Amino acid sequence: MEKYEQPQGMTAILKEMIDNDPYNKFCVDCTTNQSTHACIFYGTFVCDNCARAHIQQLGMTKSYVKPVLSDLWDDYQMKCVTLGGNKAFWDFISQYKIERDPIGKKYRTKATKYYKRRLSALVQEQEFVEIQPVRNTEELVDRGLEKSKVVLDKAETKIVGFGKYLDKKISNLF
């Protein structure tokens, strides 16, 4: 059986992404161990221990994990880690205060699922119009108020229109 090897140029790029970026150098999940694997769906780099946890707790369909230097990479996978990266992911999940949560909990949140869909759209150069999940109760209330105002404005317009219609009907009677 023929063994396929990663082109040296791509291996060099991946190695450089880890070695030259302090955020990618260490695992995005435990922040202690050096990165050896990539979570393609999130565009992040993780250590061997956390890679195993991803596979065991989430499965490959929810968190596709692969070794950085010993596997073949395709253009889509390269684009995921190039457009993603540990800093972007960390900054995003920090808004939700889930950056220190266990892997099984962190990657099942609305926030990380949203991030995964947004990164996928970015990689595929597709428009992404989904609204980001709320970060806290205050933001939830604010969004609720905004939606209520829109509904009230529509209702007011319809009531005023109906009032004008009734005025016309009544004035036609006299």
N, C-alpha and C. Protein backbone atom coordinates (compact mmCIF):
# COMPACT_ATOMS: atom_id res chain seq x y z
N MET A 1 0.84 -1.18 0.00
CA MET A 1 0.00 0.00 0.00
C MET A 1 0.89 1.25 0.00
N GLU A 2 0.54 2.19 -0.84
CA GLU A 2 1.33 3.40 -1.00
C GLU A 2 1.01 4.39 0.12
N LYS A 3 2.05 4.99 0.70
CA LYS A 3 1.85 5.96 1.76
C LYS A 3 1.96 7.37 1.17
N TYR A 4 0.95 8.18 1.46
CA TYR A 4 0.96 9.55 0.97
C TYR A 4 1.58 10.44 2.03
N GLU A 5 2.37 11.40 1.57
CA GLU A 5 3.01 12.32 2.50
C GLU A 5 2.57 13.74 2.19
N GLN A 6 2.52 14.50 3.25
CA GLN A 6 2.15 15.91 3.15
C GLN A 6 3.25 16.65 2.39
N PRO A 7 2.89 17.53 1.45
CA PRO A 7 3.92 18.34 0.78
C PRO A 7 4.70 19.15 1.83
N GLN A 8 6.00 19.24 1.66
CA GLN A 8 6.85 19.92 2.65
C GLN A 8 6.42 21.35 2.90
N GLY A 9 5.98 22.03 1.86
CA GLY A 9 5.56 23.42 2.01
C GLY A 9 4.39 23.57 2.96
N MET A 10 3.43 22.65 2.87
CA MET A 10 2.26 22.72 3.74
C MET A 10 2.64 22.38 5.18
N THR A 11 3.51 21.41 5.35
CA THR A 11 3.99 21.05 6.69
C THR A 11 4.70 22.24 7.32
N ALA A 12 5.51 22.93 6.53
CA ALA A 12 6.23 24.10 7.03
C ALA A 12 5.27 25.20 7.46
N ILE A 13 4.21 25.41 6.68
CA ILE A 13 3.21 26.43 7.02
C ILE A 13 2.53 26.08 8.34
N LEU A 14 2.12 24.82 8.49
CA LEU A 14 1.46 24.39 9.72
C LEU A 14 2.38 24.53 10.93
N LYS A 15 3.62 24.11 10.76
CA LYS A 15 4.60 24.22 11.85
C LYS A 15 4.81 25.68 12.24
N GLU A 16 4.88 26.53 11.24
CA GLU A 16 5.06 27.96 11.48
C GLU A 16 3.85 28.56 12.20
N MET A 17 2.65 28.11 11.82
CA MET A 17 1.43 28.61 12.47
C MET A 17 1.44 28.32 13.97
N ILE A 18 2.01 27.20 14.33
CA ILE A 18 2.08 26.83 15.75
C ILE A 18 3.29 27.49 16.43
N ASP A 19 4.44 27.38 15.83
CA ASP A 19 5.67 27.86 16.47
C ASP A 19 5.74 29.38 16.59
N ASN A 20 5.20 30.09 15.61
CA ASN A 20 5.35 31.55 15.58
C ASN A 20 4.16 32.32 16.14
N ASP A 21 3.13 31.63 16.56
CA ASP A 21 1.96 32.31 17.13
C ASP A 21 1.80 31.83 18.57
N PRO A 22 2.00 32.72 19.54
CA PRO A 22 1.92 32.29 20.94
C PRO A 22 0.55 31.72 21.33
N TYR A 23 -0.48 32.13 20.64
CA TYR A 23 -1.82 31.60 20.94
C TYR A 23 -1.99 30.19 20.40
N ASN A 24 -1.47 29.94 19.21
CA ASN A 24 -1.60 28.61 18.60
C ASN A 24 -0.61 27.60 19.19
N LYS A 25 0.47 28.10 19.76
CA LYS A 25 1.53 27.23 20.28
C LYS A 25 1.00 26.32 21.40
N PHE A 26 0.10 26.85 22.21
CA PHE A 26 -0.45 26.08 23.32
C PHE A 26 -1.92 25.78 23.09
N CYS A 27 -2.35 24.67 23.63
CA CYS A 27 -3.71 24.16 23.47
C CYS A 27 -4.75 25.20 23.89
N VAL A 28 -5.74 25.42 23.03
CA VAL A 28 -6.79 26.39 23.31
C VAL A 28 -7.69 25.93 24.45
N ASP A 29 -7.75 24.63 24.70
CA ASP A 29 -8.65 24.11 25.74
C ASP A 29 -8.02 24.06 27.13
N CYS A 30 -6.83 23.48 27.25
CA CYS A 30 -6.21 23.40 28.58
C CYS A 30 -5.22 24.54 28.82
N THR A 31 -4.78 25.21 27.78
CA THR A 31 -3.83 26.33 27.78
C THR A 31 -2.48 25.99 28.43
N THR A 32 -2.19 24.72 28.63
CA THR A 32 -0.92 24.34 29.26
C THR A 32 -0.01 23.57 28.33
N ASN A 33 -0.55 22.58 27.69
CA ASN A 33 0.27 21.71 26.83
C ASN A 33 0.45 22.30 25.44
N GLN A 34 1.55 21.93 24.80
CA GLN A 34 1.80 22.41 23.45
C GLN A 34 0.84 21.75 22.46
N SER A 35 0.47 22.51 21.45
CA SER A 35 -0.47 22.03 20.43
C SER A 35 0.18 20.98 19.55
N THR A 36 -0.57 19.90 19.30
CA THR A 36 -0.12 18.83 18.43
C THR A 36 -1.19 18.44 17.41
N HIS A 37 -2.41 18.88 17.66
CA HIS A 37 -3.55 18.53 16.82
C HIS A 37 -4.34 19.79 16.46
N ALA A 38 -5.21 19.65 15.50
CA ALA A 38 -6.10 20.76 15.12
C ALA A 38 -7.54 20.28 15.17
N CYS A 39 -8.41 21.16 15.65
CA CYS A 39 -9.86 20.93 15.58
C CYS A 39 -10.31 21.70 14.35
N ILE A 40 -10.52 21.00 13.28
CA ILE A 40 -10.80 21.62 11.99
C ILE A 40 -12.07 22.47 12.04
N PHE A 41 -13.15 21.95 12.61
CA PHE A 41 -14.43 22.67 12.62
C PHE A 41 -14.35 24.02 13.34
N TYR A 42 -13.41 24.15 14.27
CA TYR A 42 -13.28 25.40 15.04
C TYR A 42 -12.03 26.18 14.64
N GLY A 43 -11.20 25.60 13.78
CA GLY A 43 -10.00 26.28 13.32
C GLY A 43 -8.99 26.49 14.43
N THR A 44 -8.95 25.57 15.41
CA THR A 44 -8.09 25.74 16.58
C THR A 44 -7.05 24.64 16.68
N PHE A 45 -6.08 24.89 17.57
CA PHE A 45 -5.02 23.92 17.84
C PHE A 45 -5.13 23.45 19.29
N VAL A 46 -4.99 22.14 19.49
CA VAL A 46 -5.10 21.55 20.82
C VAL A 46 -3.97 20.54 21.05
N CYS A 47 -3.81 20.15 22.30
CA CYS A 47 -2.79 19.16 22.65
C CYS A 47 -3.33 17.75 22.44
N ASP A 48 -2.46 16.78 22.61
CA ASP A 48 -2.83 15.37 22.43
C ASP A 48 -3.93 14.95 23.41
N ASN A 49 -3.80 15.34 24.68
CA ASN A 49 -4.80 14.98 25.69
C ASN A 49 -6.18 15.54 25.35
N CYS A 50 -6.22 16.80 24.99
CA CYS A 50 -7.51 17.44 24.67
C CYS A 50 -8.07 16.91 23.34
N ALA A 51 -7.18 16.55 22.42
CA ALA A 51 -7.64 15.95 21.15
C ALA A 51 -8.39 14.65 21.45
N ARG A 52 -7.82 13.85 22.34
CA ARG A 52 -8.49 12.60 22.73
C ARG A 52 -9.82 12.88 23.40
N ALA A 53 -9.86 13.91 24.24
CA ALA A 53 -11.11 14.28 24.92
C ALA A 53 -12.17 14.70 23.90
N HIS A 54 -11.76 15.46 22.89
CA HIS A 54 -12.69 15.86 21.82
C HIS A 54 -13.30 14.63 21.16
N ILE A 55 -12.46 13.69 20.80
CA ILE A 55 -12.92 12.48 20.11
C ILE A 55 -13.84 11.66 21.00
N GLN A 56 -13.45 11.49 22.27
CA GLN A 56 -14.25 10.67 23.19
C GLN A 56 -15.57 11.34 23.58
N GLN A 57 -15.53 12.63 23.87
CA GLN A 57 -16.70 13.32 24.40
C GLN A 57 -17.63 13.87 23.32
N LEU A 58 -17.07 14.22 22.18
CA LEU A 58 -17.88 14.86 21.14
C LEU A 58 -18.02 14.01 19.88
N GLY A 59 -17.03 13.18 19.61
CA GLY A 59 -17.05 12.39 18.39
C GLY A 59 -16.53 13.19 17.21
N MET A 60 -16.11 12.48 16.19
CA MET A 60 -15.51 13.13 15.02
C MET A 60 -16.52 13.90 14.18
N THR A 61 -17.81 13.64 14.34
CA THR A 61 -18.80 14.38 13.56
C THR A 61 -19.06 15.77 14.15
N LYS A 62 -18.78 15.95 15.44
CA LYS A 62 -19.00 17.25 16.07
C LYS A 62 -17.71 18.05 16.24
N SER A 63 -16.59 17.34 16.27
CA SER A 63 -15.30 18.01 16.43
C SER A 63 -14.24 17.20 15.70
N TYR A 64 -14.03 17.52 14.44
CA TYR A 64 -13.07 16.79 13.61
C TYR A 64 -11.65 17.19 14.02
N VAL A 65 -10.94 16.25 14.63
CA VAL A 65 -9.60 16.50 15.15
C VAL A 65 -8.59 15.68 14.35
N LYS A 66 -7.45 16.30 14.05
CA LYS A 66 -6.40 15.57 13.33
C LYS A 66 -5.03 16.06 13.77
N PRO A 67 -4.02 15.18 13.70
CA PRO A 67 -2.65 15.59 14.04
C PRO A 67 -2.17 16.67 13.06
N VAL A 68 -1.42 17.61 13.59
CA VAL A 68 -0.97 18.73 12.76
C VAL A 68 0.09 18.29 11.75
N LEU A 69 1.07 17.54 12.18
CA LEU A 69 2.21 17.27 11.31
C LEU A 69 2.24 15.89 10.67
N SER A 70 1.42 14.96 11.11
CA SER A 70 1.55 13.60 10.56
C SER A 70 0.40 13.19 9.64
N ASP A 71 -0.54 14.06 9.38
CA ASP A 71 -1.66 13.74 8.48
C ASP A 71 -1.62 14.62 7.24
N LEU A 72 -2.28 14.16 6.20
CA LEU A 72 -2.45 14.98 4.99
C LEU A 72 -3.52 16.03 5.25
N TRP A 73 -3.30 17.20 4.73
CA TRP A 73 -4.25 18.30 4.89
C TRP A 73 -4.75 18.72 3.51
N ASP A 74 -6.03 19.06 3.42
CA ASP A 74 -6.55 19.60 2.17
C ASP A 74 -6.72 21.11 2.31
N ASP A 75 -7.08 21.76 1.22
CA ASP A 75 -7.19 23.22 1.22
C ASP A 75 -8.25 23.72 2.19
N TYR A 76 -9.37 23.01 2.28
CA TYR A 76 -10.44 23.42 3.20
C TYR A 76 -9.93 23.42 4.64
N GLN A 77 -9.24 22.36 5.03
CA GLN A 77 -8.73 22.25 6.40
C GLN A 77 -7.70 23.35 6.69
N MET A 78 -6.85 23.62 5.72
CA MET A 78 -5.85 24.69 5.89
C MET A 78 -6.53 26.04 6.06
N LYS A 79 -7.58 26.25 5.28
CA LYS A 79 -8.30 27.52 5.36
C LYS A 79 -8.98 27.67 6.72
N CYS A 80 -9.47 26.57 7.28
CA CYS A 80 -10.11 26.61 8.61
C CYS A 80 -9.15 27.14 9.67
N VAL A 81 -7.94 26.58 9.72
CA VAL A 81 -7.00 27.01 10.76
C VAL A 81 -6.38 28.37 10.43
N THR A 82 -6.31 28.70 9.15
CA THR A 82 -5.77 30.00 8.77
C THR A 82 -6.74 31.12 9.12
N LEU A 83 -8.02 30.92 8.82
CA LEU A 83 -9.03 31.94 9.11
C LEU A 83 -9.50 31.89 10.56
N GLY A 84 -9.26 30.77 11.22
CA GLY A 84 -9.65 30.62 12.62
C GLY A 84 -8.49 30.98 13.52
N GLY A 85 -7.95 29.98 14.19
CA GLY A 85 -6.84 30.21 15.11
C GLY A 85 -7.32 30.29 16.55
N ASN A 86 -6.40 30.01 17.46
CA ASN A 86 -6.75 29.96 18.87
C ASN A 86 -7.17 31.31 19.44
N LYS A 87 -6.52 32.39 19.02
CA LYS A 87 -6.86 33.71 19.58
C LYS A 87 -8.28 34.10 19.22
N ALA A 88 -8.66 33.95 17.96
CA ALA A 88 -10.01 34.32 17.53
C ALA A 88 -11.06 33.51 18.29
N PHE A 89 -10.82 32.20 18.43
CA PHE A 89 -11.76 31.34 19.15
C PHE A 89 -11.82 31.72 20.62
N TRP A 90 -10.66 31.90 21.25
CA TRP A 90 -10.59 32.26 22.67
C TRP A 90 -11.30 33.58 22.93
N ASP A 91 -11.02 34.58 22.10
CA ASP A 91 -11.67 35.89 22.27
C ASP A 91 -13.18 35.76 22.16
N PHE A 92 -13.64 34.94 21.24
CA PHE A 92 -15.08 34.76 21.05
C PHE A 92 -15.72 34.08 22.26
N ILE A 93 -15.17 32.94 22.67
CA ILE A 93 -15.81 32.20 23.78
C ILE A 93 -15.64 32.91 25.12
N SER A 94 -14.64 33.79 25.23
CA SER A 94 -14.46 34.57 26.46
C SER A 94 -15.63 35.52 26.68
N GLN A 95 -16.25 35.96 25.60
CA GLN A 95 -17.43 36.83 25.72
C GLN A 95 -18.56 36.12 26.46
N TYR A 96 -18.55 34.80 26.40
CA TYR A 96 -19.60 33.99 27.02
C TYR A 96 -19.15 33.37 28.34
N LYS A 97 -17.92 33.66 28.73
CA LYS A 97 -17.34 33.14 29.96
C LYS A 97 -17.35 31.61 30.02
N ILE A 98 -17.05 30.98 28.88
CA ILE A 98 -17.02 29.51 28.81
C ILE A 98 -15.63 28.99 28.45
N GLU A 99 -14.65 29.88 28.39
CA GLU A 99 -13.31 29.48 27.94
C GLU A 99 -12.66 28.44 28.85
N ARG A 100 -13.04 28.40 30.10
CA ARG A 100 -12.44 27.44 31.05
C ARG A 100 -13.35 26.23 31.31
N ASP A 101 -14.49 26.18 30.66
CA ASP A 101 -15.40 25.04 30.84
C ASP A 101 -14.78 23.75 30.30
N PRO A 102 -15.20 22.61 30.84
CA PRO A 102 -14.72 21.33 30.30
C PRO A 102 -15.12 21.19 28.82
N ILE A 103 -14.35 20.44 28.08
CA ILE A 103 -14.56 20.26 26.64
C ILE A 103 -15.98 19.82 26.32
N GLY A 104 -16.48 18.82 27.03
CA GLY A 104 -17.82 18.30 26.77
C GLY A 104 -18.91 19.34 26.94
N LYS A 105 -18.71 20.29 27.82
CA LYS A 105 -19.70 21.35 28.06
C LYS A 105 -19.50 22.52 27.09
N LYS A 106 -18.25 22.96 26.96
CA LYS A 106 -17.92 24.14 26.15
C LYS A 106 -18.39 24.00 24.70
N TYR A 107 -18.15 22.84 24.11
CA TYR A 107 -18.43 22.65 22.69
C TYR A 107 -19.87 22.25 22.40
N ARG A 108 -20.71 22.23 23.43
CA ARG A 108 -22.13 21.95 23.23
C ARG A 108 -22.98 23.21 23.44
N THR A 109 -22.34 24.35 23.61
CA THR A 109 -23.07 25.59 23.83
C THR A 109 -23.53 26.20 22.51
N LYS A 110 -24.52 27.08 22.61
CA LYS A 110 -25.00 27.80 21.42
C LYS A 110 -23.87 28.64 20.83
N ALA A 111 -23.04 29.20 21.71
CA ALA A 111 -21.95 30.07 21.25
C ALA A 111 -20.95 29.33 20.37
N THR A 112 -20.48 28.16 20.82
CA THR A 112 -19.48 27.44 20.02
C THR A 112 -20.10 26.84 18.76
N LYS A 113 -21.36 26.45 18.83
CA LYS A 113 -22.03 25.94 17.63
C LYS A 113 -22.17 27.07 16.59
N TYR A 114 -22.50 28.26 17.07
CA TYR A 114 -22.58 29.44 16.20
C TYR A 114 -21.21 29.72 15.58
N TYR A 115 -20.16 29.70 16.41
CA TYR A 115 -18.80 29.97 15.92
C TYR A 115 -18.42 28.98 14.82
N LYS A 116 -18.75 27.72 15.03
CA LYS A 116 -18.46 26.67 14.05
C LYS A 116 -19.16 26.95 12.71
N ARG A 117 -20.44 27.33 12.77
CA ARG A 117 -21.19 27.63 11.54
C ARG A 117 -20.64 28.89 10.85
N ARG A 118 -20.28 29.89 11.65
CA ARG A 118 -19.75 31.14 11.09
C ARG A 118 -18.40 30.89 10.41
N LEU A 119 -17.52 30.12 11.05
CA LEU A 119 -16.22 29.81 10.45
C LEU A 119 -16.40 29.02 9.16
N SER A 120 -17.31 28.06 9.18
CA SER A 120 -17.57 27.26 7.98
C SER A 120 -18.02 28.14 6.82
N ALA A 121 -18.91 29.08 7.09
CA ALA A 121 -19.38 30.00 6.05
C ALA A 121 -18.23 30.86 5.53
N LEU A 122 -17.40 31.33 6.44
CA LEU A 122 -16.25 32.16 6.06
C LEU A 122 -15.28 31.37 5.17
N VAL A 123 -15.00 30.14 5.55
CA VAL A 123 -14.09 29.29 4.78
C VAL A 123 -14.65 29.01 3.39
N GLN A 124 -15.97 28.82 3.31
CA GLN A 124 -16.61 28.51 2.03
C GLN A 124 -17.00 29.78 1.26
N GLU A 125 -16.64 30.94 1.82
CA GLU A 125 -16.92 32.24 1.21
C GLU A 125 -18.41 32.41 0.95
N GLN A 126 -19.22 32.02 1.95
CA GLN A 126 -20.66 32.17 1.87
C GLN A 126 -21.10 33.28 2.83
N GLU A 127 -22.19 33.92 2.48
CA GLU A 127 -22.74 34.95 3.35
C GLU A 127 -23.25 34.29 4.63
N PHE A 128 -23.03 34.96 5.76
CA PHE A 128 -23.49 34.44 7.05
C PHE A 128 -24.27 35.54 7.74
N VAL A 129 -25.56 35.34 7.88
CA VAL A 129 -26.42 36.40 8.43
C VAL A 129 -27.03 36.04 9.78
N GLU A 130 -26.69 34.90 10.30
CA GLU A 130 -27.23 34.45 11.58
C GLU A 130 -26.83 35.41 12.70
N ILE A 131 -27.75 35.69 13.60
CA ILE A 131 -27.48 36.59 14.73
C ILE A 131 -26.72 35.83 15.81
N GLN A 132 -25.69 36.48 16.33
CA GLN A 132 -24.86 35.88 17.37
C GLN A 132 -25.70 35.64 18.63
N PRO A 133 -25.51 34.50 19.30
CA PRO A 133 -26.26 34.23 20.53
C PRO A 133 -26.01 35.31 21.59
N VAL A 134 -27.00 35.52 22.44
CA VAL A 134 -26.84 36.52 23.50
C VAL A 134 -25.76 36.08 24.48
N ARG A 135 -25.05 37.08 25.03
CA ARG A 135 -23.96 36.79 25.95
C ARG A 135 -24.39 36.77 27.41
N ASN A 136 -25.47 37.50 27.72
CA ASN A 136 -25.90 37.60 29.11
C ASN A 136 -27.38 38.00 29.17
N THR A 137 -27.91 38.06 30.38
CA THR A 137 -29.33 38.37 30.57
C THR A 137 -29.67 39.77 30.08
N GLU A 138 -28.79 40.72 30.34
CA GLU A 138 -29.03 42.10 29.91
C GLU A 138 -29.20 42.19 28.39
N GLU A 139 -28.33 41.50 27.67
CA GLU A 139 -28.42 41.49 26.21
C GLU A 139 -29.70 40.80 25.75
N LEU A 140 -30.11 39.76 26.45
CA LEU A 140 -31.35 39.05 26.14
C LEU A 140 -32.55 39.99 26.29
N VAL A 141 -32.57 40.74 27.39
CA VAL A 141 -33.66 41.70 27.63
C VAL A 141 -33.65 42.79 26.57
N ASP A 142 -32.46 43.32 26.24
CA ASP A 142 -32.36 44.36 25.22
C ASP A 142 -32.89 43.88 23.87
N ARG A 143 -32.53 42.66 23.49
CA ARG A 143 -33.03 42.12 22.21
C ARG A 143 -34.54 41.94 22.26
N GLY A 144 -35.05 41.50 23.42
CA GLY A 144 -36.49 41.35 23.57
C GLY A 144 -37.21 42.68 23.44
N LEU A 145 -36.64 43.73 24.03
CA LEU A 145 -37.23 45.07 23.93
C LEU A 145 -37.21 45.56 22.48
N GLU A 146 -36.11 45.33 21.79
CA GLU A 146 -36.02 45.74 20.38
C GLU A 146 -37.09 45.05 19.54
N LYS A 147 -37.27 43.76 19.75
CA LYS A 147 -38.29 43.02 19.00
C LYS A 147 -39.68 43.52 19.36
N SER A 148 -39.90 43.82 20.64
CA SER A 148 -41.21 44.33 21.08
C SER A 148 -41.52 45.67 20.41
N LYS A 149 -40.52 46.54 20.30
CA LYS A 149 -40.71 47.84 19.66
C LYS A 149 -41.10 47.66 18.20
N VAL A 150 -40.47 46.74 17.52
CA VAL A 150 -40.79 46.48 16.11
C VAL A 150 -42.23 46.00 15.98
N VAL A 151 -42.62 45.08 16.85
CA VAL A 151 -44.00 44.55 16.82
C VAL A 151 -45.00 45.66 17.12
N LEU A 152 -44.70 46.49 18.12
CA LEU A 152 -45.60 47.59 18.47
C LEU A 152 -45.72 48.60 17.34
N ASP A 153 -44.61 48.91 16.68
CA ASP A 153 -44.64 49.84 15.55
C ASP A 153 -45.52 49.30 14.43
N LYS A 154 -45.41 48.02 14.13
CA LYS A 154 -46.24 47.40 13.10
C LYS A 154 -47.71 47.44 13.50
N ALA A 155 -47.98 47.13 14.77
CA ALA A 155 -49.36 47.13 15.26
C ALA A 155 -49.94 48.54 15.19
N GLU A 156 -49.15 49.53 15.58
CA GLU A 156 -49.62 50.92 15.54
C GLU A 156 -49.96 51.33 14.11
N THR A 157 -49.12 50.98 13.17
CA THR A 157 -49.36 51.30 11.77
C THR A 157 -50.66 50.68 11.29
N LYS A 158 -50.89 49.45 11.65
CA LYS A 158 -52.13 48.77 11.23
C LYS A 158 -53.35 49.36 11.91
N ILE A 159 -53.23 49.72 13.19
CA ILE A 159 -54.36 50.31 13.91
C ILE A 159 -54.70 51.68 13.32
N VAL A 160 -53.69 52.49 13.05
CA VAL A 160 -53.92 53.81 12.44
C VAL A 160 -54.56 53.64 11.07
N GLY A 161 -54.06 52.69 10.30
CA GLY A 161 -54.65 52.43 8.98
C GLY A 161 -56.09 51.99 9.08
N PHE A 162 -56.39 51.14 10.04
CA PHE A 162 -57.76 50.69 10.24
C PHE A 162 -58.64 51.84 10.72
N GLY A 163 -58.09 52.71 11.56
CA GLY A 163 -58.84 53.89 12.03
C GLY A 163 -59.20 54.80 10.87
N LYS A 164 -58.28 55.02 9.95
CA LYS A 164 -58.55 55.85 8.77
C LYS A 164 -59.62 55.20 7.90
N TYR A 165 -59.55 53.90 7.77
CA TYR A 165 -60.55 53.16 7.00
C TYR A 165 -61.93 53.35 7.63
N LEU A 166 -62.02 53.22 8.96
CA LEU A 166 -63.30 53.41 9.65
C LEU A 166 -63.81 54.84 9.50
N ASP A 167 -62.92 55.82 9.63
CA ASP A 167 -63.30 57.23 9.45
C ASP A 167 -63.94 57.45 8.09
N LYS A 168 -63.35 56.87 7.07
CA LYS A 168 -63.87 57.00 5.71
C LYS A 168 -65.26 56.39 5.60
N LYS A 169 -65.41 55.20 6.15
CA LYS A 169 -66.70 54.50 6.10
C LYS A 169 -67.77 55.30 6.83
N ILE A 170 -67.41 55.83 8.00
CA ILE A 170 -68.38 56.60 8.80
C ILE A 170 -68.73 57.89 8.08
N SER A 171 -67.73 58.59 7.52
CA SER A 171 -68.02 59.85 6.84
C SER A 171 -68.86 59.62 5.58
N ASN A 172 -68.74 58.46 4.97
CA ASN A 172 -69.58 58.14 3.81
C ASN A 172 -71.03 57.91 4.20
N LEU A 173 -71.25 57.54 5.46
CA LEU A 173 -72.62 57.33 5.94
C LEU A 173 -73.36 58.66 6.12
N PHE A 174 -72.64 59.72 6.39
CA PHE A 174 -73.29 61.01 6.66
C PHE A 174 -73.16 61.89 5.51
